[in-house]
Amino acid sequence: MDIVAQTHQIQMQSHYIHAHSWQSGAVDLSLTPIVLMHDSLGCIELWRDFPARLAIQTRRPVFAYDRLGFGLSAKHPSSLAVDFVLMEANSTFKSVLEYFEIHNFVILGHSVGGGMAAAIAAAYPDRCQGLITIAAQYEVEELTLSGIREAKAGFQQAGQLERLAKYHPEKAQWVLDAWTETWLAPVFKDWNLKTALPQVRCPTLVIHGELDEYGSVRQAQQIFEGVKGAAELQILEGLHHMPHKEQPELVVALITEFLENIA
C-alpha cells in the first residue's frame, strides 16, 4: 500500500525541531492521529518502518518528532532537568500539536517515551483519546539502573559512540549522557509516574516484554493499575525492551485492535 511520508522543521523561539508525518493511501482523516514519543537514545530514524506500519494498519495519520537535543533537532542548551519527563507535555510536544494543527490525539511512547506519553495523557485529559506505552518505566528500579550501567560500559568500546552519532550528529555524547547520567544520578532515584497516572482518563494499552532488561514486568503492572481509564495489559512472552522491533507484526496488531473502538 502507498504511504506518503513527509519531513518537517518546526521553528520555535530559540531552536528548531525535526518532525515527520506518515499517511497511507487508505487513510481515514476522521480518525484521531497517533503521535509517537521516542526512547532515551532514540529519534525518528530509529523508529525504522514502525510508523509506516502503524499508518497502514490503523489508517490513521502518524506523527513523530526528535526531542530537543536528539536526532536532527537542534542541540539542547543544557543537561536534562530532573522533571524532564513531565515537562515535555507543555514544552516541545505542545508546539508539535500547534504546528500540525492536531486537537485530539492518541499518544504512543517507547521506554522513557512511554513515561512521557503517560504524562502527556495526564496533561491533556480532554484531548488524549488513547494512551499506548511500550516498555515504559513507572519508576527507577535496580534492574533499570543495572541495565543502564551495563550499556554505559558498552559505549566505552571503540566505535560505539560513532554508531550513535550516525543518528544524533554532533550530539551523540550529550544524548548518551542525557540517558546514563540523568537516570544514574542520586537526585533522580525517586522519580516516578505516581502523580501523573491518576490523571489519565483515556483508554490505555500497556505493552511490555517479559524479558525487558531495563524494567521488570512490575513496571507495566503499576502503569496498568495506576491509570483511571479502562486499561489493557499485554506482557509479551520471550520479548525484551524493543518488542515493536522484535515482533513488529504482533505489536502493530495489538495496537490496531486496541484502537478499533477509538474514533
C-alpha atoms as a PDB file:
ATOM      1  CA  MET A   1       0.000   0.000   0.000  1.00  0.00           C
ATOM      2  CA  ASP A   2       1.204   3.505  -0.794  1.00  0.00           C
ATOM      3  CA  ILE A   3       2.491   5.613   2.069  1.00  0.00           C
ATOM      4  CA  VAL A   4       3.139   9.355   1.993  1.00  0.00           C
ATOM      5  CA  ALA A   5       5.969  10.350   4.330  1.00  0.00           C
ATOM      6  CA  GLN A   6       6.900  13.992   4.834  1.00  0.00           C
ATOM      7  CA  THR A   7       9.674  15.768   6.727  1.00  0.00           C
ATOM      8  CA  HIS A   8       9.005  18.947   8.694  1.00  0.00           C
ATOM      9  CA  GLN A   9      11.105  21.521  10.544  1.00  0.00           C
ATOM     10  CA  ILE A  10       9.249  23.262  13.347  1.00  0.00           C
ATOM     11  CA  GLN A  11      10.748  26.626  14.200  1.00  0.00           C
ATOM     12  CA  MET A  12      10.385  27.565  17.845  1.00  0.00           C
ATOM     13  CA  GLN A  13      11.547  30.753  19.576  1.00  0.00           C
ATOM     14  CA  SER A  14      15.173  29.737  20.120  1.00  0.00           C
ATOM     15  CA  HIS A  15      15.564  26.442  18.272  1.00  0.00           C
ATOM     16  CA  TYR A  16      14.048  24.076  15.735  1.00  0.00           C
ATOM     17  CA  ILE A  17      12.503  20.625  15.974  1.00  0.00           C
ATOM     18  CA  HIS A  18      12.730  17.924  13.318  1.00  0.00           C
ATOM     19  CA  ALA A  19       9.430  16.111  12.711  1.00  0.00           C
ATOM     20  CA  HIS A  20       7.922  13.576  10.329  1.00  0.00           C
ATOM     21  CA  SER A  21       4.435  12.534   9.238  1.00  0.00           C
ATOM     22  CA  TRP A  22       3.102   9.352   7.599  1.00  0.00           C
ATOM     23  CA  GLN A  23      -0.200   8.799   5.850  1.00  0.00           C
ATOM     24  CA  SER A  24      -1.370   5.744   3.942  1.00  0.00           C
ATOM     25  CA  GLY A  25      -3.384   5.777   0.759  1.00  0.00           C
ATOM     26  CA  ALA A  26      -6.320   4.377   2.730  1.00  0.00           C
ATOM     27  CA  VAL A  27      -6.133   6.985   5.495  1.00  0.00           C
ATOM     28  CA  ASP A  28      -9.343   7.898   7.278  1.00  0.00           C
ATOM     29  CA  LEU A  29      -8.916  11.533   8.287  1.00  0.00           C
ATOM     30  CA  SER A  30     -11.893  11.287  10.623  1.00  0.00           C
ATOM     31  CA  LEU A  31      -9.822   9.046  12.895  1.00  0.00           C
ATOM     32  CA  THR A  32      -7.682  10.518  15.677  1.00  0.00           C
ATOM     33  CA  PRO A  33      -3.981  10.670  14.665  1.00  0.00           C
ATOM     34  CA  ILE A  34      -1.173   8.915  16.536  1.00  0.00           C
ATOM     35  CA  VAL A  35       1.811  10.836  17.934  1.00  0.00           C
ATOM     36  CA  LEU A  36       4.991   8.881  18.773  1.00  0.00           C
ATOM     37  CA  MET A  37       7.458   9.589  21.600  1.00  0.00           C
ATOM     38  CA  HIS A  38      10.921   8.050  21.226  1.00  0.00           C
ATOM     39  CA  ASP A  39      13.171   6.470  23.861  1.00  0.00           C
ATOM     40  CA  SER A  40      16.325   7.747  25.601  1.00  0.00           C
ATOM     41  CA  LEU A  41      18.692   7.105  22.686  1.00  0.00           C
ATOM     42  CA  GLY A  42      16.017   7.328  20.037  1.00  0.00           C
ATOM     43  CA  CYS A  43      14.940   9.597  17.209  1.00  0.00           C
ATOM     44  CA  ILE A  44      12.630   9.455  14.205  1.00  0.00           C
ATOM     45  CA  GLU A  45      15.020   7.375  12.113  1.00  0.00           C
ATOM     46  CA  LEU A  46      15.322   4.723  14.801  1.00  0.00           C
ATOM     47  CA  TRP A  47      11.592   4.016  14.661  1.00  0.00           C
ATOM     48  CA  ARG A  48      12.524   2.348  11.315  1.00  0.00           C
ATOM     49  CA  ASP A  49       9.360   1.273   9.454  1.00  0.00           C
ATOM     50  CA  PHE A  50       7.170   1.102  12.561  1.00  0.00           C
ATOM     51  CA  PRO A  51       5.356   4.439  11.910  1.00  0.00           C
ATOM     52  CA  ALA A  52       4.576   3.427   8.324  1.00  0.00           C
ATOM     53  CA  ARG A  53       3.266   0.047   9.501  1.00  0.00           C
ATOM     54  CA  LEU A  54       1.030   1.831  12.004  1.00  0.00           C
ATOM     55  CA  ALA A  55      -0.251   4.275   9.400  1.00  0.00           C
ATOM     56  CA  ILE A  56      -1.132   1.444   7.025  1.00  0.00           C
ATOM     57  CA  GLN A  57      -2.749  -0.902   9.528  1.00  0.00           C
ATOM     58  CA  THR A  58      -4.664   1.687  11.573  1.00  0.00           C
ATOM     59  CA  ARG A  59      -5.496   4.001   8.616  1.00  0.00           C
ATOM     60  CA  ARG A  60      -4.599   6.923  10.886  1.00  0.00           C
ATOM     61  CA  PRO A  61      -2.105   9.739  10.290  1.00  0.00           C
ATOM     62  CA  VAL A  62       1.064   9.164  12.318  1.00  0.00           C
ATOM     63  CA  PHE A  63       3.426  11.883  13.574  1.00  0.00           C
ATOM     64  CA  ALA A  64       6.806  11.743  15.311  1.00  0.00           C
ATOM     65  CA  TYR A  65       9.473  14.235  16.274  1.00  0.00           C
ATOM     66  CA  ASP A  66      13.031  14.305  17.574  1.00  0.00           C
ATOM     67  CA  ARG A  67      13.005  15.813  21.041  1.00  0.00           C
ATOM     68  CA  LEU A  68      15.263  18.818  21.600  1.00  0.00           C
ATOM     69  CA  GLY A  69      18.878  17.596  21.609  1.00  0.00           C
ATOM     70  CA  PHE A  70      18.085  14.370  19.736  1.00  0.00           C
ATOM     71  CA  GLY A  71      18.265  13.236  16.129  1.00  0.00           C
ATOM     72  CA  LEU A  72      18.092  16.117  13.664  1.00  0.00           C
ATOM     73  CA  SER A  73      16.570  18.619  16.084  1.00  0.00           C
ATOM     74  CA  ALA A  74      18.642  21.480  17.472  1.00  0.00           C
ATOM     75  CA  LYS A  75      21.197  20.974  20.226  1.00  0.00           C
ATOM     76  CA  HIS A  76      19.932  21.134  23.791  1.00  0.00           C
ATOM     77  CA  PRO A  77      21.335  24.175  25.633  1.00  0.00           C
ATOM     78  CA  SER A  78      21.978  22.311  28.898  1.00  0.00           C
ATOM     79  CA  SER A  79      21.560  18.990  30.668  1.00  0.00           C
ATOM     80  CA  LEU A  80      18.147  17.416  31.218  1.00  0.00           C
ATOM     81  CA  ALA A  81      16.145  18.676  34.181  1.00  0.00           C
ATOM     82  CA  VAL A  82      15.099  16.134  36.802  1.00  0.00           C
ATOM     83  CA  ASP A  83      11.450  16.579  35.789  1.00  0.00           C
ATOM     84  CA  PHE A  84      12.122  16.361  32.034  1.00  0.00           C
ATOM     85  CA  VAL A  85       9.622  13.509  31.583  1.00  0.00           C
ATOM     86  CA  LEU A  86       6.728  15.580  32.906  1.00  0.00           C
ATOM     87  CA  MET A  87       7.931  18.819  31.285  1.00  0.00           C
ATOM     88  CA  GLU A  88       7.728  17.507  27.731  1.00  0.00           C
ATOM     89  CA  ALA A  89       3.922  17.714  27.737  1.00  0.00           C
ATOM     90  CA  ASN A  90       3.880  21.503  27.940  1.00  0.00           C
ATOM     91  CA  SER A  91       7.046  22.326  26.026  1.00  0.00           C
ATOM     92  CA  THR A  92       8.021  20.807  22.676  1.00  0.00           C
ATOM     93  CA  PHE A  93       5.023  18.495  22.473  1.00  0.00           C
ATOM     94  CA  LYS A  94       2.663  21.452  22.733  1.00  0.00           C
ATOM     95  CA  SER A  95       4.433  23.164  19.827  1.00  0.00           C
ATOM     96  CA  VAL A  96       4.189  19.994  17.735  1.00  0.00           C
ATOM     97  CA  LEU A  97       0.425  19.869  18.264  1.00  0.00           C
ATOM     98  CA  GLU A  98       0.134  23.515  17.239  1.00  0.00           C
ATOM     99  CA  TYR A  99       2.306  23.090  14.139  1.00  0.00           C
ATOM    100  CA  PHE A 100       0.337  20.116  12.812  1.00  0.00           C
ATOM    101  CA  GLU A 101      -2.993  21.598  13.971  1.00  0.00           C
ATOM    102  CA  ILE A 102      -3.731  18.455  15.978  1.00  0.00           C
ATOM    103  CA  HIS A 103      -6.535  18.705  18.522  1.00  0.00           C
ATOM    104  CA  ASN A 104      -7.447  15.206  19.679  1.00  0.00           C
ATOM    105  CA  PHE A 105      -4.725  12.564  19.524  1.00  0.00           C
ATOM    106  CA  VAL A 106      -3.572   9.101  20.530  1.00  0.00           C
ATOM    107  CA  ILE A 107      -0.171   9.153  22.229  1.00  0.00           C
ATOM    108  CA  LEU A 108       2.279   6.242  21.942  1.00  0.00           C
ATOM    109  CA  GLY A 109       5.679   6.110  23.618  1.00  0.00           C
ATOM    110  CA  HIS A 110       8.546   3.662  23.958  1.00  0.00           C
ATOM    111  CA  SER A 111      10.658   3.344  27.139  1.00  0.00           C
ATOM    112  CA  VAL A 112      11.102   6.821  28.665  1.00  0.00           C
ATOM    113  CA  GLY A 113       8.908   7.995  25.788  1.00  0.00           C
ATOM    114  CA  GLY A 114       6.221   5.813  27.330  1.00  0.00           C
ATOM    115  CA  GLY A 115       6.564   7.720  30.575  1.00  0.00           C
ATOM    116  CA  MET A 116       6.302  10.961  28.612  1.00  0.00           C
ATOM    117  CA  ALA A 117       3.238   9.608  26.815  1.00  0.00           C
ATOM    118  CA  ALA A 118       1.577   8.895  30.168  1.00  0.00           C
ATOM    119  CA  ALA A 119       2.435  12.405  31.389  1.00  0.00           C
ATOM    120  CA  ILE A 120       1.013  13.863  28.173  1.00  0.00           C
ATOM    121  CA  ALA A 121      -2.210  11.863  28.539  1.00  0.00           C
ATOM    122  CA  ALA A 122      -2.472  13.242  32.077  1.00  0.00           C
ATOM    123  CA  ALA A 123      -1.811  16.819  30.958  1.00  0.00           C
ATOM    124  CA  TYR A 124      -4.376  16.687  28.103  1.00  0.00           C
ATOM    125  CA  PRO A 125      -7.224  14.604  29.584  1.00  0.00           C
ATOM    126  CA  ASP A 126      -9.848  16.094  27.266  1.00  0.00           C
ATOM    127  CA  ARG A 127      -7.788  15.760  24.086  1.00  0.00           C
ATOM    128  CA  CYS A 128      -5.926  12.484  24.516  1.00  0.00           C
ATOM    129  CA  GLN A 129      -8.178   9.721  23.215  1.00  0.00           C
ATOM    130  CA  GLY A 130      -5.817   6.822  23.877  1.00  0.00           C
ATOM    131  CA  LEU A 131      -2.501   6.054  25.596  1.00  0.00           C
ATOM    132  CA  ILE A 132      -0.136   3.303  24.441  1.00  0.00           C
ATOM    133  CA  THR A 133       3.090   2.519  26.288  1.00  0.00           C
ATOM    134  CA  ILE A 134       5.757   0.100  25.095  1.00  0.00           C
ATOM    135  CA  ALA A 135       8.444  -0.981  27.587  1.00  0.00           C
ATOM    136  CA  ALA A 136       7.759   2.097  29.717  1.00  0.00           C
ATOM    137  CA  GLN A 137       9.160   2.684  33.195  1.00  0.00           C
ATOM    138  CA  TYR A 138       6.885   3.632  36.072  1.00  0.00           C
ATOM    139  CA  GLU A 139       9.777   4.293  38.450  1.00  0.00           C
ATOM    140  CA  VAL A 140      13.523   3.831  38.863  1.00  0.00           C
ATOM    141  CA  GLU A 141      14.300   0.252  39.881  1.00  0.00           C
ATOM    142  CA  GLU A 142      17.569  -1.626  40.227  1.00  0.00           C
ATOM    143  CA  LEU A 143      17.001  -3.584  37.005  1.00  0.00           C
ATOM    144  CA  THR A 144      16.742  -0.283  35.130  1.00  0.00           C
ATOM    145  CA  LEU A 145      19.927   1.058  36.702  1.00  0.00           C
ATOM    146  CA  SER A 146      21.915  -2.137  36.169  1.00  0.00           C
ATOM    147  CA  GLY A 147      20.887  -2.201  32.511  1.00  0.00           C
ATOM    148  CA  ILE A 148      21.981   1.423  32.103  1.00  0.00           C
ATOM    149  CA  ARG A 149      25.319   0.774  33.833  1.00  0.00           C
ATOM    150  CA  GLU A 150      25.985  -2.139  31.501  1.00  0.00           C
ATOM    151  CA  ALA A 151      25.067  -0.073  28.443  1.00  0.00           C
ATOM    152  CA  LYS A 152      27.246   2.816  29.627  1.00  0.00           C
ATOM    153  CA  ALA A 153      30.228   0.458  29.905  1.00  0.00           C
ATOM    154  CA  GLY A 154      29.490  -0.897  26.445  1.00  0.00           C
ATOM    155  CA  PHE A 155      29.651   2.586  24.959  1.00  0.00           C
ATOM    156  CA  GLN A 156      33.267   2.846  26.140  1.00  0.00           C
ATOM    157  CA  GLN A 157      34.233   0.327  23.467  1.00  0.00           C
ATOM    158  CA  ALA A 158      35.743   1.604  20.248  1.00  0.00           C
ATOM    159  CA  GLY A 159      33.238   2.687  17.612  1.00  0.00           C
ATOM    160  CA  GLN A 160      30.125   2.596  19.791  1.00  0.00           C
ATOM    161  CA  LEU A 161      29.757   6.346  20.215  1.00  0.00           C
ATOM    162  CA  GLU A 162      30.364   6.779  16.486  1.00  0.00           C
ATOM    163  CA  ARG A 163      27.435   4.453  15.798  1.00  0.00           C
ATOM    164  CA  LEU A 164      25.233   6.670  17.965  1.00  0.00           C
ATOM    165  CA  ALA A 165      26.497   9.765  16.124  1.00  0.00           C
ATOM    166  CA  LYS A 166      25.031   8.350  12.911  1.00  0.00           C
ATOM    167  CA  TYR A 167      21.584   9.200  14.311  1.00  0.00           C
ATOM    168  CA  HIS A 168      22.494  12.185  16.510  1.00  0.00           C
ATOM    169  CA  PRO A 169      25.069  14.194  14.534  1.00  0.00           C
ATOM    170  CA  GLU A 170      27.413  16.183  16.812  1.00  0.00           C
ATOM    171  CA  LYS A 171      25.132  15.342  19.757  1.00  0.00           C
ATOM    172  CA  ALA A 172      25.983  11.704  20.473  1.00  0.00           C
ATOM    173  CA  GLN A 173      27.851  12.301  23.739  1.00  0.00           C
ATOM    174  CA  TRP A 174      25.118  14.622  25.013  1.00  0.00           C
ATOM    175  CA  VAL A 175      22.445  12.036  24.118  1.00  0.00           C
ATOM    176  CA  LEU A 176      24.334   9.277  25.899  1.00  0.00           C
ATOM    177  CA  ASP A 177      24.911  11.425  28.984  1.00  0.00           C
ATOM    178  CA  ALA A 178      21.301  12.583  28.978  1.00  0.00           C
ATOM    179  CA  TRP A 179      20.338   8.936  29.419  1.00  0.00           C
ATOM    180  CA  THR A 180      23.008   7.475  31.648  1.00  0.00           C
ATOM    181  CA  GLU A 181      23.925  10.420  33.864  1.00  0.00           C
ATOM    182  CA  THR A 182      20.320  11.518  34.389  1.00  0.00           C
ATOM    183  CA  TRP A 183      18.995   8.090  35.362  1.00  0.00           C
ATOM    184  CA  LEU A 184      22.041   7.178  37.462  1.00  0.00           C
ATOM    185  CA  ALA A 185      22.051  10.485  39.367  1.00  0.00           C
ATOM    186  CA  PRO A 186      21.060  10.162  43.050  1.00  0.00           C
ATOM    187  CA  VAL A 187      18.646  13.077  42.664  1.00  0.00           C
ATOM    188  CA  PHE A 188      16.669  11.057  40.080  1.00  0.00           C
ATOM    189  CA  LYS A 189      16.197   7.917  42.203  1.00  0.00           C
ATOM    190  CA  ASP A 190      12.737   8.931  43.449  1.00  0.00           C
ATOM    191  CA  TRP A 191      11.322   9.773  40.014  1.00  0.00           C
ATOM    192  CA  ASN A 192       8.056   8.005  39.168  1.00  0.00           C
ATOM    193  CA  LEU A 193       4.671   8.424  37.467  1.00  0.00           C
ATOM    194  CA  LYS A 194       2.687   8.200  40.700  1.00  0.00           C
ATOM    195  CA  THR A 195       1.171  11.683  40.468  1.00  0.00           C
ATOM    196  CA  ALA A 196       0.561  11.601  36.703  1.00  0.00           C
ATOM    197  CA  LEU A 197      -1.233   8.292  36.224  1.00  0.00           C
ATOM    198  CA  PRO A 198      -4.373   9.097  38.269  1.00  0.00           C
ATOM    199  CA  GLN A 199      -4.991  11.956  35.799  1.00  0.00           C
ATOM    200  CA  VAL A 200      -5.087   9.567  32.811  1.00  0.00           C
ATOM    201  CA  ARG A 201      -8.730   9.006  31.915  1.00  0.00           C
ATOM    202  CA  CYS A 202      -8.464   7.718  28.346  1.00  0.00           C
ATOM    203  CA  PRO A 203      -8.276   4.018  27.351  1.00  0.00           C
ATOM    204  CA  THR A 204      -4.744   2.689  27.883  1.00  0.00           C
ATOM    205  CA  LEU A 205      -2.765  -0.167  26.332  1.00  0.00           C
ATOM    206  CA  VAL A 206       0.361  -1.235  28.231  1.00  0.00           C
ATOM    207  CA  ILE A 207       2.798  -3.420  26.248  1.00  0.00           C
ATOM    208  CA  HIS A 208       5.867  -4.916  27.921  1.00  0.00           C
ATOM    209  CA  GLY A 209       8.373  -7.611  27.061  1.00  0.00           C
ATOM    210  CA  GLU A 210       8.585 -10.409  29.591  1.00  0.00           C
ATOM    211  CA  LEU A 211      12.404 -10.281  29.474  1.00  0.00           C
ATOM    212  CA  ASP A 212      12.828  -6.488  29.315  1.00  0.00           C
ATOM    213  CA  GLU A 213      16.362  -5.744  30.500  1.00  0.00           C
ATOM    214  CA  TYR A 214      15.512  -2.158  31.525  1.00  0.00           C
ATOM    215  CA  GLY A 215      12.344  -2.719  33.515  1.00  0.00           C
ATOM    216  CA  SER A 216      10.572  -5.588  35.226  1.00  0.00           C
ATOM    217  CA  VAL A 217       7.029  -6.670  34.448  1.00  0.00           C
ATOM    218  CA  ARG A 218       6.063  -4.889  37.660  1.00  0.00           C
ATOM    219  CA  GLN A 219       6.716  -1.570  35.879  1.00  0.00           C
ATOM    220  CA  ALA A 220       3.979  -2.370  33.367  1.00  0.00           C
ATOM    221  CA  GLN A 221       1.634  -3.616  36.077  1.00  0.00           C
ATOM    222  CA  GLN A 222       1.999  -0.352  38.004  1.00  0.00           C
ATOM    223  CA  ILE A 223       1.117   1.688  34.913  1.00  0.00           C
ATOM    224  CA  PHE A 224      -1.825  -0.617  34.199  1.00  0.00           C
ATOM    225  CA  GLU A 225      -3.086  -0.304  37.784  1.00  0.00           C
ATOM    226  CA  GLY A 226      -2.371   3.425  38.089  1.00  0.00           C
ATOM    227  CA  VAL A 227      -4.447   4.887  35.248  1.00  0.00           C
ATOM    228  CA  LYS A 228      -8.096   5.766  35.846  1.00  0.00           C
ATOM    229  CA  GLY A 229      -9.456   4.901  32.415  1.00  0.00           C
ATOM    230  CA  ALA A 230     -10.070   1.429  31.010  1.00  0.00           C
ATOM    231  CA  ALA A 231      -6.746  -0.365  30.606  1.00  0.00           C
ATOM    232  CA  GLU A 232      -5.321  -3.429  28.875  1.00  0.00           C
ATOM    233  CA  LEU A 233      -2.043  -5.123  29.827  1.00  0.00           C
ATOM    234  CA  GLN A 234      -0.055  -7.192  27.319  1.00  0.00           C
ATOM    235  CA  ILE A 235       3.042  -8.972  28.658  1.00  0.00           C
ATOM    236  CA  LEU A 236       4.762 -10.444  25.600  1.00  0.00           C
ATOM    237  CA  GLU A 237       6.435 -13.760  26.322  1.00  0.00           C
ATOM    238  CA  GLY A 238      10.087 -14.061  25.331  1.00  0.00           C
ATOM    239  CA  LEU A 239      10.447 -10.420  24.233  1.00  0.00           C
ATOM    240  CA  HIS A 240      12.834  -7.803  25.587  1.00  0.00           C
ATOM    241  CA  HIS A 241      12.991  -3.979  25.564  1.00  0.00           C
ATOM    242  CA  MET A 242      12.177  -3.497  21.881  1.00  0.00           C
ATOM    243  CA  PRO A 243       9.007  -5.533  21.241  1.00  0.00           C
ATOM    244  CA  HIS A 244       7.977  -3.244  18.367  1.00  0.00           C
ATOM    245  CA  LYS A 245      11.227  -4.225  16.603  1.00  0.00           C
ATOM    246  CA  GLU A 246      11.430  -7.826  17.817  1.00  0.00           C
ATOM    247  CA  GLN A 247       7.861  -8.697  16.793  1.00  0.00           C
ATOM    248  CA  PRO A 248       6.509  -5.709  14.819  1.00  0.00           C
ATOM    249  CA  GLU A 249       3.577  -7.591  13.285  1.00  0.00           C
ATOM    250  CA  LEU A 250       2.343  -8.668  16.717  1.00  0.00           C
ATOM    251  CA  VAL A 251       2.726  -5.235  18.293  1.00  0.00           C
ATOM    252  CA  VAL A 252       1.062  -3.424  15.391  1.00  0.00           C
ATOM    253  CA  ALA A 253      -1.795  -5.941  15.501  1.00  0.00           C
ATOM    254  CA  LEU A 254      -2.296  -5.358  19.238  1.00  0.00           C
ATOM    255  CA  ILE A 255      -2.328  -1.592  18.720  1.00  0.00           C
ATOM    256  CA  THR A 256      -4.702  -1.808  15.751  1.00  0.00           C
ATOM    257  CA  GLU A 257      -7.130  -3.942  17.751  1.00  0.00           C
ATOM    258  CA  PHE A 258      -6.928  -1.585  20.722  1.00  0.00           C
ATOM    259  CA  LEU A 259      -7.699   1.425  18.510  1.00  0.00           C
ATOM    260  CA  GLU A 260     -10.741  -0.153  16.833  1.00  0.00           C
ATOM    261  CA  ASN A 261     -13.088   1.384  19.392  1.00  0.00           C
ATOM    262  CA  ILE A 262     -11.376   4.789  19.429  1.00  0.00           C
ATOM    263  CA  ALA A 263     -12.651   7.298  16.900  1.00  0.00           C
END
